[in-house]
Amino acid sequence: MLIDTGSNPSWVQCEGCQSRFPLNGTGNFKCKQSQSFRRLPCNNSLCTPKLCDEQGYCRYNAKYLRSSSQGVVLTDTFTFPTNSRTTTAKVPEFGVWLRPDQREPKLW
C-alpha cells in the first residue's frame, strides 16, 4: 500500500476500485478486510470544509494543477510498526477517498 502524502489531505486507493493510478507491486488498501473502515459523518471534526451528501456523510473536492477529484471521504484506523517490536502506533480516522468513477467496495 502506498500513501500519497504529496497532496492535502493524504489518501490511499481502495482495492477493487478502478484506478487511474495503478500501483505495481504494492497493491491497494484492502478495505474489505478492515473492521474499522467506514464513511466519515459530516458532523466529524475531520470533515472540513463541511461538504455533505444527502445522507449526512462527508465529501471531498480536490483540485490539482491539471485535474480535480471529488467523492466521499472514508476513514479507517491504520497500525504502523515502530522501532520496538512490542509497540505499534495507531493513526485513527485517516482519510480514504473513493471517487464516483471508482467501483465502491460495497461495505455499507
N, C-alpha and C. Protein backbone atom coordinates (compact mmCIF):
# COMPACT_ATOMS: atom_id res chain seq x y z
N MET A 1 0.84 -1.16 0.00
CA MET A 1 0.00 0.00 0.00
C MET A 1 0.89 1.24 0.00
N LEU A 2 0.54 2.21 -0.82
CA LEU A 2 1.23 3.49 -0.85
C LEU A 2 0.29 4.57 -0.34
N ILE A 3 0.83 5.49 0.43
CA ILE A 3 0.06 6.63 0.92
C ILE A 3 0.58 7.87 0.21
N ASP A 4 -0.31 8.60 -0.45
CA ASP A 4 0.06 9.84 -1.13
C ASP A 4 0.11 10.95 -0.10
N THR A 5 1.33 11.33 0.28
CA THR A 5 1.49 12.42 1.25
C THR A 5 1.87 13.72 0.56
N GLY A 6 1.89 13.72 -0.78
CA GLY A 6 2.26 14.92 -1.53
C GLY A 6 1.08 15.84 -1.78
N SER A 7 -0.10 15.42 -1.37
CA SER A 7 -1.28 16.26 -1.53
C SER A 7 -1.95 16.42 -0.18
N ASN A 8 -2.85 17.36 -0.08
CA ASN A 8 -3.56 17.58 1.16
C ASN A 8 -5.05 17.45 0.90
N PRO A 9 -5.75 16.54 1.53
CA PRO A 9 -5.26 15.59 2.52
C PRO A 9 -4.57 14.40 1.88
N SER A 10 -3.85 13.61 2.70
CA SER A 10 -3.22 12.39 2.21
C SER A 10 -4.29 11.37 1.90
N TRP A 11 -4.00 10.43 1.00
CA TRP A 11 -5.03 9.46 0.63
C TRP A 11 -4.40 8.15 0.19
N VAL A 12 -5.22 7.10 0.18
CA VAL A 12 -4.83 5.78 -0.32
C VAL A 12 -5.91 5.30 -1.27
N GLN A 13 -5.57 4.35 -2.14
CA GLN A 13 -6.55 3.75 -3.04
C GLN A 13 -7.08 2.47 -2.43
N CYS A 14 -8.39 2.25 -2.57
CA CYS A 14 -9.00 1.02 -2.08
C CYS A 14 -8.90 -0.09 -3.11
N GLU A 15 -8.67 -1.31 -2.64
CA GLU A 15 -8.66 -2.47 -3.53
C GLU A 15 -10.04 -2.64 -4.15
N GLY A 16 -10.11 -3.00 -5.42
CA GLY A 16 -11.37 -3.19 -6.10
C GLY A 16 -11.87 -1.95 -6.81
N CYS A 17 -11.15 -0.84 -6.68
CA CYS A 17 -11.54 0.40 -7.34
C CYS A 17 -10.87 0.48 -8.71
N GLN A 18 -11.59 1.02 -9.68
CA GLN A 18 -10.96 1.30 -10.97
C GLN A 18 -10.03 2.47 -10.75
N SER A 19 -8.78 2.29 -11.10
CA SER A 19 -7.78 3.29 -10.75
C SER A 19 -7.12 3.90 -11.97
N ARG A 20 -6.94 5.19 -11.89
CA ARG A 20 -6.12 5.88 -12.89
C ARG A 20 -4.66 5.85 -12.48
N PHE A 21 -4.39 5.35 -11.27
CA PHE A 21 -3.04 5.31 -10.73
C PHE A 21 -2.70 3.88 -10.31
N PRO A 22 -2.40 2.99 -11.28
CA PRO A 22 -2.08 1.61 -10.92
C PRO A 22 -0.83 1.52 -10.04
N LEU A 23 -0.91 0.69 -9.01
CA LEU A 23 0.21 0.52 -8.09
C LEU A 23 0.88 -0.82 -8.38
N ASN A 24 1.99 -0.78 -9.06
CA ASN A 24 2.70 -2.00 -9.43
C ASN A 24 3.49 -2.53 -8.24
N GLY A 25 3.19 -3.76 -7.83
CA GLY A 25 3.95 -4.42 -6.78
C GLY A 25 3.55 -4.08 -5.36
N THR A 26 2.82 -3.01 -5.13
CA THR A 26 2.47 -2.64 -3.76
C THR A 26 1.03 -2.97 -3.43
N GLY A 27 0.16 -2.93 -4.39
CA GLY A 27 -1.24 -3.22 -4.14
C GLY A 27 -1.97 -2.06 -3.50
N ASN A 28 -3.29 -2.14 -3.54
CA ASN A 28 -4.14 -1.13 -2.95
C ASN A 28 -4.52 -1.52 -1.53
N PHE A 29 -5.10 -0.59 -0.80
CA PHE A 29 -5.57 -0.83 0.56
C PHE A 29 -6.72 -1.82 0.52
N LYS A 30 -6.64 -2.87 1.31
CA LYS A 30 -7.67 -3.93 1.34
C LYS A 30 -8.78 -3.53 2.31
N CYS A 31 -9.62 -2.59 1.88
CA CYS A 31 -10.65 -2.03 2.76
C CYS A 31 -11.70 -3.06 3.17
N LYS A 32 -11.97 -4.06 2.34
CA LYS A 32 -12.98 -5.06 2.68
C LYS A 32 -12.54 -5.94 3.85
N GLN A 33 -11.25 -6.00 4.12
CA GLN A 33 -10.74 -6.82 5.21
C GLN A 33 -10.65 -6.05 6.52
N SER A 34 -10.95 -4.77 6.50
CA SER A 34 -10.84 -3.93 7.68
C SER A 34 -12.12 -3.96 8.51
N GLN A 35 -11.97 -3.97 9.84
CA GLN A 35 -13.13 -3.92 10.73
C GLN A 35 -13.45 -2.49 11.16
N SER A 36 -12.56 -1.54 10.88
CA SER A 36 -12.80 -0.16 11.31
C SER A 36 -13.07 0.80 10.15
N PHE A 37 -13.17 0.28 8.95
CA PHE A 37 -13.41 1.07 7.74
C PHE A 37 -14.86 1.56 7.71
N ARG A 38 -15.08 2.88 7.49
CA ARG A 38 -16.45 3.41 7.45
C ARG A 38 -16.46 4.78 6.76
N ARG A 39 -17.66 5.23 6.43
CA ARG A 39 -17.82 6.58 5.89
C ARG A 39 -17.67 7.59 7.02
N LEU A 40 -17.15 8.76 6.67
CA LEU A 40 -16.97 9.81 7.67
C LEU A 40 -18.23 10.67 7.73
N PRO A 41 -18.89 10.74 8.92
CA PRO A 41 -20.08 11.58 9.03
C PRO A 41 -19.73 13.06 8.93
N CYS A 42 -20.66 13.84 8.45
CA CYS A 42 -20.45 15.28 8.27
C CYS A 42 -20.18 16.00 9.59
N ASN A 43 -20.70 15.49 10.70
CA ASN A 43 -20.51 16.17 11.97
C ASN A 43 -19.16 15.85 12.61
N ASN A 44 -18.32 15.05 11.96
CA ASN A 44 -16.98 14.75 12.46
C ASN A 44 -16.08 15.96 12.24
N SER A 45 -15.21 16.24 13.21
CA SER A 45 -14.33 17.41 13.11
C SER A 45 -13.34 17.30 11.95
N LEU A 46 -13.09 16.09 11.44
CA LEU A 46 -12.18 15.92 10.30
C LEU A 46 -12.83 16.31 8.97
N CYS A 47 -14.13 16.51 8.97
CA CYS A 47 -14.84 16.86 7.74
C CYS A 47 -14.76 18.37 7.52
N THR A 48 -13.69 18.81 6.86
CA THR A 48 -13.52 20.23 6.56
C THR A 48 -13.04 20.38 5.13
N PRO A 49 -13.58 21.29 4.38
CA PRO A 49 -14.77 22.07 4.72
C PRO A 49 -16.00 21.18 4.77
N LYS A 50 -17.06 21.68 5.34
CA LYS A 50 -18.27 20.89 5.52
C LYS A 50 -18.99 20.68 4.20
N LEU A 51 -18.51 19.70 3.43
CA LEU A 51 -19.17 19.29 2.19
C LEU A 51 -19.91 18.00 2.52
N CYS A 52 -21.23 18.02 2.45
CA CYS A 52 -22.02 16.87 2.88
C CYS A 52 -22.91 16.36 1.75
N ASP A 53 -23.16 15.03 1.77
CA ASP A 53 -24.12 14.48 0.81
C ASP A 53 -25.50 14.42 1.47
N GLU A 54 -26.48 13.92 0.74
CA GLU A 54 -27.87 13.89 1.22
C GLU A 54 -28.03 12.98 2.44
N GLN A 55 -27.12 12.02 2.62
CA GLN A 55 -27.22 11.06 3.72
C GLN A 55 -26.43 11.49 4.95
N GLY A 56 -25.81 12.68 4.91
CA GLY A 56 -25.09 13.19 6.06
C GLY A 56 -23.64 12.74 6.16
N TYR A 57 -23.06 12.31 5.03
CA TYR A 57 -21.67 11.90 5.03
C TYR A 57 -20.79 12.96 4.36
N CYS A 58 -19.54 12.98 4.78
CA CYS A 58 -18.57 13.97 4.30
C CYS A 58 -18.13 13.66 2.87
N ARG A 59 -17.98 14.69 2.07
CA ARG A 59 -17.49 14.58 0.70
C ARG A 59 -16.21 15.41 0.57
N TYR A 60 -15.48 15.19 -0.49
CA TYR A 60 -14.28 15.98 -0.74
C TYR A 60 -14.31 16.51 -2.17
N ASN A 61 -13.59 17.58 -2.38
CA ASN A 61 -13.42 18.16 -3.71
C ASN A 61 -11.99 18.69 -3.76
N ALA A 62 -11.12 17.97 -4.46
CA ALA A 62 -9.70 18.34 -4.52
C ALA A 62 -9.35 18.84 -5.91
N LYS A 63 -8.64 19.94 -5.96
CA LYS A 63 -8.20 20.50 -7.24
C LYS A 63 -6.69 20.41 -7.32
N TYR A 64 -6.22 19.95 -8.46
CA TYR A 64 -4.80 19.83 -8.73
C TYR A 64 -4.45 20.77 -9.88
N LEU A 65 -3.20 20.78 -10.27
CA LEU A 65 -2.75 21.69 -11.32
C LEU A 65 -3.53 21.49 -12.62
N ARG A 66 -3.67 20.23 -13.06
CA ARG A 66 -4.32 19.96 -14.34
C ARG A 66 -5.58 19.10 -14.22
N SER A 67 -6.01 18.80 -13.02
CA SER A 67 -7.19 17.94 -12.87
C SER A 67 -7.85 18.20 -11.53
N SER A 68 -8.89 17.45 -11.26
CA SER A 68 -9.57 17.54 -9.98
C SER A 68 -10.15 16.17 -9.65
N SER A 69 -10.57 16.00 -8.42
CA SER A 69 -11.16 14.75 -7.97
C SER A 69 -12.21 15.08 -6.92
N GLN A 70 -13.28 14.32 -6.91
CA GLN A 70 -14.31 14.52 -5.90
C GLN A 70 -14.96 13.19 -5.57
N GLY A 71 -15.52 13.08 -4.38
CA GLY A 71 -16.16 11.84 -3.96
C GLY A 71 -16.46 11.87 -2.48
N VAL A 72 -16.58 10.68 -1.87
CA VAL A 72 -16.87 10.58 -0.44
C VAL A 72 -15.59 10.35 0.33
N VAL A 73 -15.60 10.76 1.61
CA VAL A 73 -14.45 10.54 2.49
C VAL A 73 -14.75 9.33 3.36
N LEU A 74 -13.82 8.40 3.37
CA LEU A 74 -13.94 7.19 4.17
C LEU A 74 -12.82 7.21 5.19
N THR A 75 -13.00 6.55 6.33
CA THR A 75 -11.96 6.55 7.35
C THR A 75 -11.62 5.13 7.77
N ASP A 76 -10.46 4.99 8.35
CA ASP A 76 -10.03 3.72 8.90
C ASP A 76 -8.95 4.00 9.94
N THR A 77 -8.60 2.99 10.71
CA THR A 77 -7.51 3.09 11.66
C THR A 77 -6.37 2.23 11.16
N PHE A 78 -5.24 2.84 10.87
CA PHE A 78 -4.07 2.13 10.39
C PHE A 78 -3.10 1.92 11.55
N THR A 79 -2.47 0.78 11.60
CA THR A 79 -1.45 0.48 12.61
C THR A 79 -0.11 0.35 11.91
N PHE A 80 0.85 1.13 12.36
CA PHE A 80 2.19 1.12 11.78
C PHE A 80 3.18 0.60 12.83
N PRO A 81 4.08 -0.31 12.46
CA PRO A 81 5.07 -0.78 13.43
C PRO A 81 6.05 0.34 13.78
N THR A 82 6.52 0.31 15.01
CA THR A 82 7.52 1.27 15.46
C THR A 82 8.86 0.56 15.61
N ASN A 83 9.85 1.24 16.12
CA ASN A 83 11.16 0.64 16.34
C ASN A 83 11.10 -0.51 17.33
N SER A 84 10.18 -0.44 18.26
CA SER A 84 10.01 -1.51 19.25
C SER A 84 9.11 -2.59 18.67
N ARG A 85 9.49 -3.84 18.82
CA ARG A 85 8.68 -4.93 18.27
C ARG A 85 7.38 -5.12 19.03
N THR A 86 7.26 -4.56 20.21
CA THR A 86 6.07 -4.76 21.03
C THR A 86 5.12 -3.58 20.99
N THR A 87 5.48 -2.52 20.30
CA THR A 87 4.66 -1.31 20.28
C THR A 87 4.22 -0.99 18.86
N THR A 88 2.99 -0.52 18.73
CA THR A 88 2.51 -0.03 17.44
C THR A 88 1.96 1.37 17.63
N ALA A 89 1.97 2.13 16.56
CA ALA A 89 1.41 3.48 16.59
C ALA A 89 0.16 3.48 15.73
N LYS A 90 -0.98 3.82 16.32
CA LYS A 90 -2.24 3.84 15.58
C LYS A 90 -2.56 5.25 15.12
N VAL A 91 -3.04 5.35 13.90
CA VAL A 91 -3.46 6.63 13.33
C VAL A 91 -4.97 6.53 13.10
N PRO A 92 -5.79 7.06 14.01
CA PRO A 92 -7.24 6.92 13.85
C PRO A 92 -7.79 7.86 12.78
N GLU A 93 -8.81 7.37 12.11
CA GLU A 93 -9.58 8.16 11.15
C GLU A 93 -8.71 8.84 10.10
N PHE A 94 -7.84 8.07 9.52
CA PHE A 94 -7.05 8.52 8.37
C PHE A 94 -7.97 8.48 7.16
N GLY A 95 -7.98 9.52 6.36
CA GLY A 95 -8.93 9.61 5.25
C GLY A 95 -8.62 8.66 4.10
N VAL A 96 -9.66 8.05 3.59
CA VAL A 96 -9.57 7.21 2.40
C VAL A 96 -10.59 7.75 1.42
N TRP A 97 -10.17 8.10 0.22
CA TRP A 97 -11.09 8.69 -0.76
C TRP A 97 -11.64 7.64 -1.68
N LEU A 98 -12.88 7.84 -2.08
CA LEU A 98 -13.49 6.98 -3.09
C LEU A 98 -14.17 7.88 -4.10
N ARG A 99 -13.61 7.94 -5.30
CA ARG A 99 -14.18 8.79 -6.35
C ARG A 99 -15.43 8.14 -6.92
N PRO A 100 -16.35 8.94 -7.47
CA PRO A 100 -17.56 8.37 -8.06
C PRO A 100 -17.28 7.42 -9.22
N ASP A 101 -16.15 7.59 -9.92
CA ASP A 101 -15.86 6.71 -11.05
C ASP A 101 -15.15 5.43 -10.62
N GLN A 102 -14.97 5.24 -9.31
CA GLN A 102 -14.40 4.00 -8.81
C GLN A 102 -15.54 3.07 -8.40
N ARG A 103 -15.28 1.78 -8.48
CA ARG A 103 -16.29 0.83 -8.01
C ARG A 103 -16.26 0.81 -6.50
N GLU A 104 -17.40 1.05 -5.87
CA GLU A 104 -17.44 1.07 -4.41
C GLU A 104 -17.18 -0.31 -3.84
N PRO A 105 -16.43 -0.37 -2.75
CA PRO A 105 -16.19 -1.64 -2.09
C PRO A 105 -17.37 -1.99 -1.18
N LYS A 106 -18.52 -2.15 -1.63
CA LYS A 106 -19.81 -2.39 -1.00
C LYS A 106 -19.73 -2.82 0.47
N LEU A 107 -19.40 -1.87 1.34
CA LEU A 107 -19.29 -2.16 2.76
C LEU A 107 -20.46 -1.63 3.56
N TRP A 108 -21.36 -0.91 2.95
CA TRP A 108 -22.47 -0.34 3.70
C TRP A 108 -23.77 -0.62 3.01
